[in-house]
PDB file of N, CA and C in Angstrom:
ATOM      1  N   UNK A   1      75.033 156.308  82.488  1.00  0.00           N
ATOM      2  CA  UNK A   1      74.446 156.392  83.806  1.00  0.00           C
ATOM      3  C   UNK A   1      73.662 157.695  83.897  1.00  0.00           C
ATOM      4  N   UNK A   2      72.503 157.617  84.444  1.00  0.00           N
ATOM      5  CA  UNK A   2      71.681 158.803  84.614  1.00  0.00           C
ATOM      6  C   UNK A   2      71.846 159.320  86.045  1.00  0.00           C
ATOM      7  N   UNK A   3      72.329 160.549  86.145  1.00  0.00           N
ATOM      8  CA  UNK A   3      72.479 161.168  87.459  1.00  0.00           C
ATOM      9  C   UNK A   3      71.779 162.513  87.443  1.00  0.00           C
ATOM     10  N   UNK A   4      71.433 162.994  88.603  1.00  0.00           N
ATOM     11  CA  UNK A   4      70.805 164.313  88.669  1.00  0.00           C
ATOM     12  C   UNK A   4      71.398 165.082  89.832  1.00  0.00           C
ATOM     13  N   UNK A   5      71.461 166.373  89.668  1.00  0.00           N
ATOM     14  CA  UNK A   5      72.010 167.238  90.697  1.00  0.00           C
ATOM     15  C   UNK A   5      73.188 168.022  90.162  1.00  0.00           C
ATOM     16  N   UNK A   6      73.814 168.755  91.044  1.00  0.00           N
ATOM     17  CA  UNK A   6      74.970 169.555  90.673  1.00  0.00           C
ATOM     18  C   UNK A   6      76.255 168.772  90.862  1.00  0.00           C
ATOM     19  N   UNK A   7      77.254 169.159  90.102  1.00  0.00           N
ATOM     20  CA  UNK A   7      78.594 168.607  90.262  1.00  0.00           C
ATOM     21  C   UNK A   7      79.038 168.858  91.697  1.00  0.00           C
ATOM     22  N   UNK A   8      79.518 167.843  92.365  1.00  0.00           N
ATOM     23  CA  UNK A   8      79.932 167.985  93.752  1.00  0.00           C
ATOM     24  C   UNK A   8      81.332 168.580  93.876  1.00  0.00           C
ATOM     25  N   UNK A   9      81.981 168.857  92.756  1.00  0.00           N
ATOM     26  CA  UNK A   9      83.300 169.478  92.791  1.00  0.00           C
ATOM     27  C   UNK A   9      83.177 170.988  92.598  1.00  0.00           C
ATOM     28  N   UNK A  10      82.523 171.417  91.504  1.00  0.00           N
ATOM     29  CA  UNK A  10      82.407 172.863  91.258  1.00  0.00           C
ATOM     30  C   UNK A  10      81.108 173.444  91.796  1.00  0.00           C
ATOM     31  N   UNK A  11      80.121 172.610  92.034  1.00  0.00           N
ATOM     32  CA  UNK A  11      78.823 173.011  92.560  1.00  0.00           C
ATOM     33  C   UNK A  11      78.114 174.066  91.712  1.00  0.00           C
ATOM     34  N   UNK A  12      78.404 174.083  90.403  1.00  0.00           N
ATOM     35  CA  UNK A  12      77.719 175.045  89.545  1.00  0.00           C
ATOM     36  C   UNK A  12      77.190 174.431  88.248  1.00  0.00           C
ATOM     37  N   UNK A  13      77.795 173.378  87.774  1.00  0.00           N
ATOM     38  CA  UNK A  13      77.346 172.712  86.541  1.00  0.00           C
ATOM     39  C   UNK A  13      76.507 171.490  86.900  1.00  0.00           C
ATOM     40  N   UNK A  14      75.675 171.078  85.965  1.00  0.00           N
ATOM     41  CA  UNK A  14      74.900 169.859  86.179  1.00  0.00           C
ATOM     42  C   UNK A  14      75.808 168.641  86.106  1.00  0.00           C
ATOM     43  N   UNK A  15      75.609 167.742  87.038  1.00  0.00           N
ATOM     44  CA  UNK A  15      76.373 166.494  87.047  1.00  0.00           C
ATOM     45  C   UNK A  15      75.889 165.608  85.913  1.00  0.00           C
ATOM     46  N   UNK A  16      76.836 164.983  85.231  1.00  0.00           N
ATOM     47  CA  UNK A  16      76.506 164.085  84.127  1.00  0.00           C
ATOM     48  C   UNK A  16      76.971 162.659  84.394  1.00  0.00           C
ATOM     49  N   UNK A  17      77.933 162.513  85.298  1.00  0.00           N
ATOM     50  CA  UNK A  17      78.517 161.200  85.571  1.00  0.00           C
ATOM     51  C   UNK A  17      78.731 161.017  87.067  1.00  0.00           C
ATOM     52  N   UNK A  18      78.986 159.782  87.465  1.00  0.00           N
ATOM     53  CA  UNK A  18      79.309 159.474  88.852  1.00  0.00           C
ATOM     54  C   UNK A  18      80.632 158.721  88.877  1.00  0.00           C
ATOM     55  N   UNK A  19      81.555 159.179  89.704  1.00  0.00           N
ATOM     56  CA  UNK A  19      82.876 158.565  89.816  1.00  0.00           C
ATOM     57  C   UNK A  19      82.736 157.109  90.256  1.00  0.00           C
ATOM     58  N   UNK A  20      83.416 156.228  89.544  1.00  0.00           N
ATOM     59  CA  UNK A  20      83.362 154.796  89.859  1.00  0.00           C
ATOM     60  C   UNK A  20      84.130 154.457  91.130  1.00  0.00           C
ATOM     61  N   UNK A  21      84.991 155.365  91.578  1.00  0.00           N
ATOM     62  CA  UNK A  21      85.788 155.109  92.772  1.00  0.00           C
ATOM     63  C   UNK A  21      85.100 155.633  94.031  1.00  0.00           C
ATOM     64  N   UNK A  22      84.780 156.920  94.048  1.00  0.00           N
ATOM     65  CA  UNK A  22      84.272 157.548  95.274  1.00  0.00           C
ATOM     66  C   UNK A  22      82.789 157.883  95.239  1.00  0.00           C
ATOM     67  N   UNK A  23      82.167 157.795  94.070  1.00  0.00           N
ATOM     68  CA  UNK A  23      80.735 158.063  93.969  1.00  0.00           C
ATOM     69  C   UNK A  23      80.379 159.529  93.792  1.00  0.00           C
ATOM     70  N   UNK A  24      81.378 160.401  93.682  1.00  0.00           N
ATOM     71  CA  UNK A  24      81.126 161.826  93.492  1.00  0.00           C
ATOM     72  C   UNK A  24      80.392 162.070  92.192  1.00  0.00           C
ATOM     73  N   UNK A  25      79.353 162.901  92.233  1.00  0.00           N
ATOM     74  CA  UNK A  25      78.677 163.325  91.019  1.00  0.00           C
ATOM     75  C   UNK A  25      79.512 164.420  90.383  1.00  0.00           C
ATOM     76  N   UNK A  26      79.777 164.315  89.085  1.00  0.00           N
ATOM     77  CA  UNK A  26      80.675 165.259  88.427  1.00  0.00           C
ATOM     78  C   UNK A  26      80.148 165.698  87.071  1.00  0.00           C
ATOM     79  N   UNK A  27      80.439 166.965  86.736  1.00  0.00           N
ATOM     80  CA  UNK A  27      80.115 167.499  85.418  1.00  0.00           C
ATOM     81  C   UNK A  27      81.166 167.024  84.421  1.00  0.00           C
ATOM     82  N   UNK A  28      80.975 167.349  83.159  1.00  0.00           N
ATOM     83  CA  UNK A  28      81.912 166.895  82.125  1.00  0.00           C
ATOM     84  C   UNK A  28      83.308 167.483  82.301  1.00  0.00           C
ATOM     85  N   UNK A  29      83.425 168.641  82.933  1.00  0.00           N
ATOM     86  CA  UNK A  29      84.728 169.260  83.170  1.00  0.00           C
ATOM     87  C   UNK A  29      85.499 168.515  84.258  1.00  0.00           C
ATOM     88  N   UNK A  30      84.802 167.973  85.230  1.00  0.00           N
ATOM     89  CA  UNK A  30      85.438 167.360  86.391  1.00  0.00           C
ATOM     90  C   UNK A  30      85.363 165.836  86.406  1.00  0.00           C
ATOM     91  N   UNK A  31      85.061 165.247  85.263  1.00  0.00           N
ATOM     92  CA  UNK A  31      84.985 163.791  85.133  1.00  0.00           C
ATOM     93  C   UNK A  31      85.848 163.365  83.957  1.00  0.00           C
ATOM     94  N   UNK A  32      86.701 162.395  84.178  1.00  0.00           N
ATOM     95  CA  UNK A  32      87.576 161.881  83.128  1.00  0.00           C
ATOM     96  C   UNK A  32      87.004 160.559  82.629  1.00  0.00           C
ATOM     97  N   UNK A  33      86.297 160.629  81.532  1.00  0.00           N
ATOM     98  CA  UNK A  33      85.604 159.458  80.996  1.00  0.00           C
ATOM     99  C   UNK A  33      86.550 158.303  80.700  1.00  0.00           C
ATOM    100  N   UNK A  34      87.744 158.594  80.230  1.00  0.00           N
ATOM    101  CA  UNK A  34      88.714 157.538  79.909  1.00  0.00           C
ATOM    102  C   UNK A  34      89.069 156.708  81.129  1.00  0.00           C
ATOM    103  N   UNK A  35      88.990 157.317  82.315  1.00  0.00           N
ATOM    104  CA  UNK A  35      89.321 156.628  83.559  1.00  0.00           C
ATOM    105  C   UNK A  35      88.073 156.186  84.323  1.00  0.00           C
ATOM    106  N   UNK A  36      86.944 156.837  84.048  1.00  0.00           N
ATOM    107  CA  UNK A  36      85.731 156.563  84.806  1.00  0.00           C
ATOM    108  C   UNK A  36      85.793 157.159  86.197  1.00  0.00           C
ATOM    109  N   UNK A  37      86.629 158.211  86.350  1.00  0.00           N
ATOM    110  CA  UNK A  37      86.871 158.809  87.658  1.00  0.00           C
ATOM    111  C   UNK A  37      86.702 160.326  87.620  1.00  0.00           C
ATOM    112  N   UNK A  38      86.402 160.890  88.786  1.00  0.00           N
ATOM    113  CA  UNK A  38      86.407 162.343  88.908  1.00  0.00           C
ATOM    114  C   UNK A  38      87.862 162.818  88.927  1.00  0.00           C
ATOM    115  N   UNK A  39      88.077 164.093  88.672  1.00  0.00           N
ATOM    116  CA  UNK A  39      89.447 164.610  88.614  1.00  0.00           C
ATOM    117  C   UNK A  39      90.175 164.462  89.947  1.00  0.00           C
ATOM    118  N   UNK A  40      89.455 164.485  91.058  1.00  0.00           N
ATOM    119  CA  UNK A  40      90.104 164.307  92.359  1.00  0.00           C
ATOM    120  C   UNK A  40      90.688 162.897  92.494  1.00  0.00           C
ATOM    121  N   UNK A  41      89.944 161.892  92.061  1.00  0.00           N
ATOM    122  CA  UNK A  41      90.443 160.513  92.142  1.00  0.00           C
ATOM    123  C   UNK A  41      91.572 160.279  91.147  1.00  0.00           C
ATOM    124  N   UNK A  42      91.510 160.896  89.975  1.00  0.00           N
ATOM    125  CA  UNK A  42      92.605 160.783  89.009  1.00  0.00           C
ATOM    126  C   UNK A  42      93.873 161.363  89.632  1.00  0.00           C
ATOM    127  N   UNK A  43      93.759 162.521  90.276  1.00  0.00           N
ATOM    128  CA  UNK A  43      94.922 163.161  90.902  1.00  0.00           C
ATOM    129  C   UNK A  43      95.469 162.312  92.048  1.00  0.00           C
ATOM    130  N   UNK A  44      94.606 161.672  92.814  1.00  0.00           N
ATOM    131  CA  UNK A  44      95.062 160.829  93.922  1.00  0.00           C
ATOM    132  C   UNK A  44      95.749 159.570  93.403  1.00  0.00           C
ATOM    133  N   UNK A  45      95.271 159.043  92.289  1.00  0.00           N
ATOM    134  CA  UNK A  45      95.855 157.832  91.730  1.00  0.00           C
ATOM    135  C   UNK A  45      97.245 158.100  91.161  1.00  0.00           C
ATOM    136  N   UNK A  46      97.435 159.308  90.614  1.00  0.00           N
ATOM    137  CA  UNK A  46      98.728 159.678  90.023  1.00  0.00           C
ATOM    138  C   UNK A  46      98.937 161.174  90.223  1.00  0.00           C
ATOM    139  N   UNK A  47      99.462 161.577  91.384  1.00  0.00           N
ATOM    140  CA  UNK A  47      99.614 163.005  91.698  1.00  0.00           C
ATOM    141  C   UNK A  47     100.411 163.789  90.662  1.00  0.00           C
ATOM    142  N   UNK A  48     101.251 163.142  89.890  1.00  0.00           N
ATOM    143  CA  UNK A  48     102.024 163.858  88.872  1.00  0.00           C
ATOM    144  C   UNK A  48     101.160 164.337  87.715  1.00  0.00           C
ATOM    145  N   UNK A  49      99.943 163.833  87.631  1.00  0.00           N
ATOM    146  CA  UNK A  49      99.048 164.220  86.536  1.00  0.00           C
ATOM    147  C   UNK A  49      98.320 165.519  86.817  1.00  0.00           C
ATOM    148  N   UNK A  50      98.391 166.044  88.045  1.00  0.00           N
ATOM    149  CA  UNK A  50      97.756 167.321  88.396  1.00  0.00           C
ATOM    150  C   UNK A  50      96.300 167.352  87.938  1.00  0.00           C
ATOM    151  N   UNK A  51      95.491 166.426  88.420  1.00  0.00           N
ATOM    152  CA  UNK A  51      94.082 166.314  88.043  1.00  0.00           C
ATOM    153  C   UNK A  51      93.925 166.190  86.536  1.00  0.00           C
ATOM    154  N   UNK A  52      94.877 165.476  85.915  1.00  0.00           N
ATOM    155  CA  UNK A  52      94.867 165.248  84.478  1.00  0.00           C
ATOM    156  C   UNK A  52      94.899 166.560  83.712  1.00  0.00           C
ATOM    157  N   UNK A  53      95.606 167.544  84.297  1.00  0.00           N
ATOM    158  CA  UNK A  53      95.793 168.852  83.694  1.00  0.00           C
ATOM    159  C   UNK A  53      94.491 169.598  83.446  1.00  0.00           C
ATOM    160  N   UNK A  54      93.465 169.298  84.218  1.00  0.00           N
ATOM    161  CA  UNK A  54      92.196 170.001  84.116  1.00  0.00           C
ATOM    162  C   UNK A  54      92.182 171.114  85.149  1.00  0.00           C
ATOM    163  N   UNK A  55      91.781 172.293  84.735  1.00  0.00           N
ATOM    164  CA  UNK A  55      91.611 173.396  85.672  1.00  0.00           C
ATOM    165  C   UNK A  55      90.288 173.177  86.380  1.00  0.00           C
ATOM    166  N   UNK A  56      90.345 172.657  87.604  1.00  0.00           N
ATOM    167  CA  UNK A  56      89.110 172.282  88.305  1.00  0.00           C
ATOM    168  C   UNK A  56      88.275 173.479  88.727  1.00  0.00           C
ATOM    169  N   UNK A  57      88.805 174.675  88.558  1.00  0.00           N
ATOM    170  CA  UNK A  57      88.034 175.861  88.927  1.00  0.00           C
ATOM    171  C   UNK A  57      87.397 176.528  87.711  1.00  0.00           C
ATOM    172  N   UNK A  58      87.664 175.999  86.522  1.00  0.00           N
ATOM    173  CA  UNK A  58      87.080 176.551  85.302  1.00  0.00           C
ATOM    174  C   UNK A  58      85.593 176.229  85.283  1.00  0.00           C
ATOM    175  N   UNK A  59      84.798 177.175  84.889  1.00  0.00           N
ATOM    176  CA  UNK A  59      83.349 176.948  84.832  1.00  0.00           C
ATOM    177  C   UNK A  59      82.860 176.901  83.419  1.00  0.00           C
TER     178      UNK A  59
END
C-alpha cells in the first residue's frame, strides 16, 4: 500500500503502512506487519502484549 505523510503515532517518521483496523498511518516502528495493525490496535486486541513489546516512543 502506498501511503504518504507522517506516522500518526510518533509524528516524526514517514508513514509506510495503514492500519487495517483503524486506518492510522504508521511508520515501520509502529506497525506490526504480521497483524496488519498499528501497535495501538495490537495492544487493544490483546492488552497483555503491551503493544507487542514495541517501545512506541522510540524514534
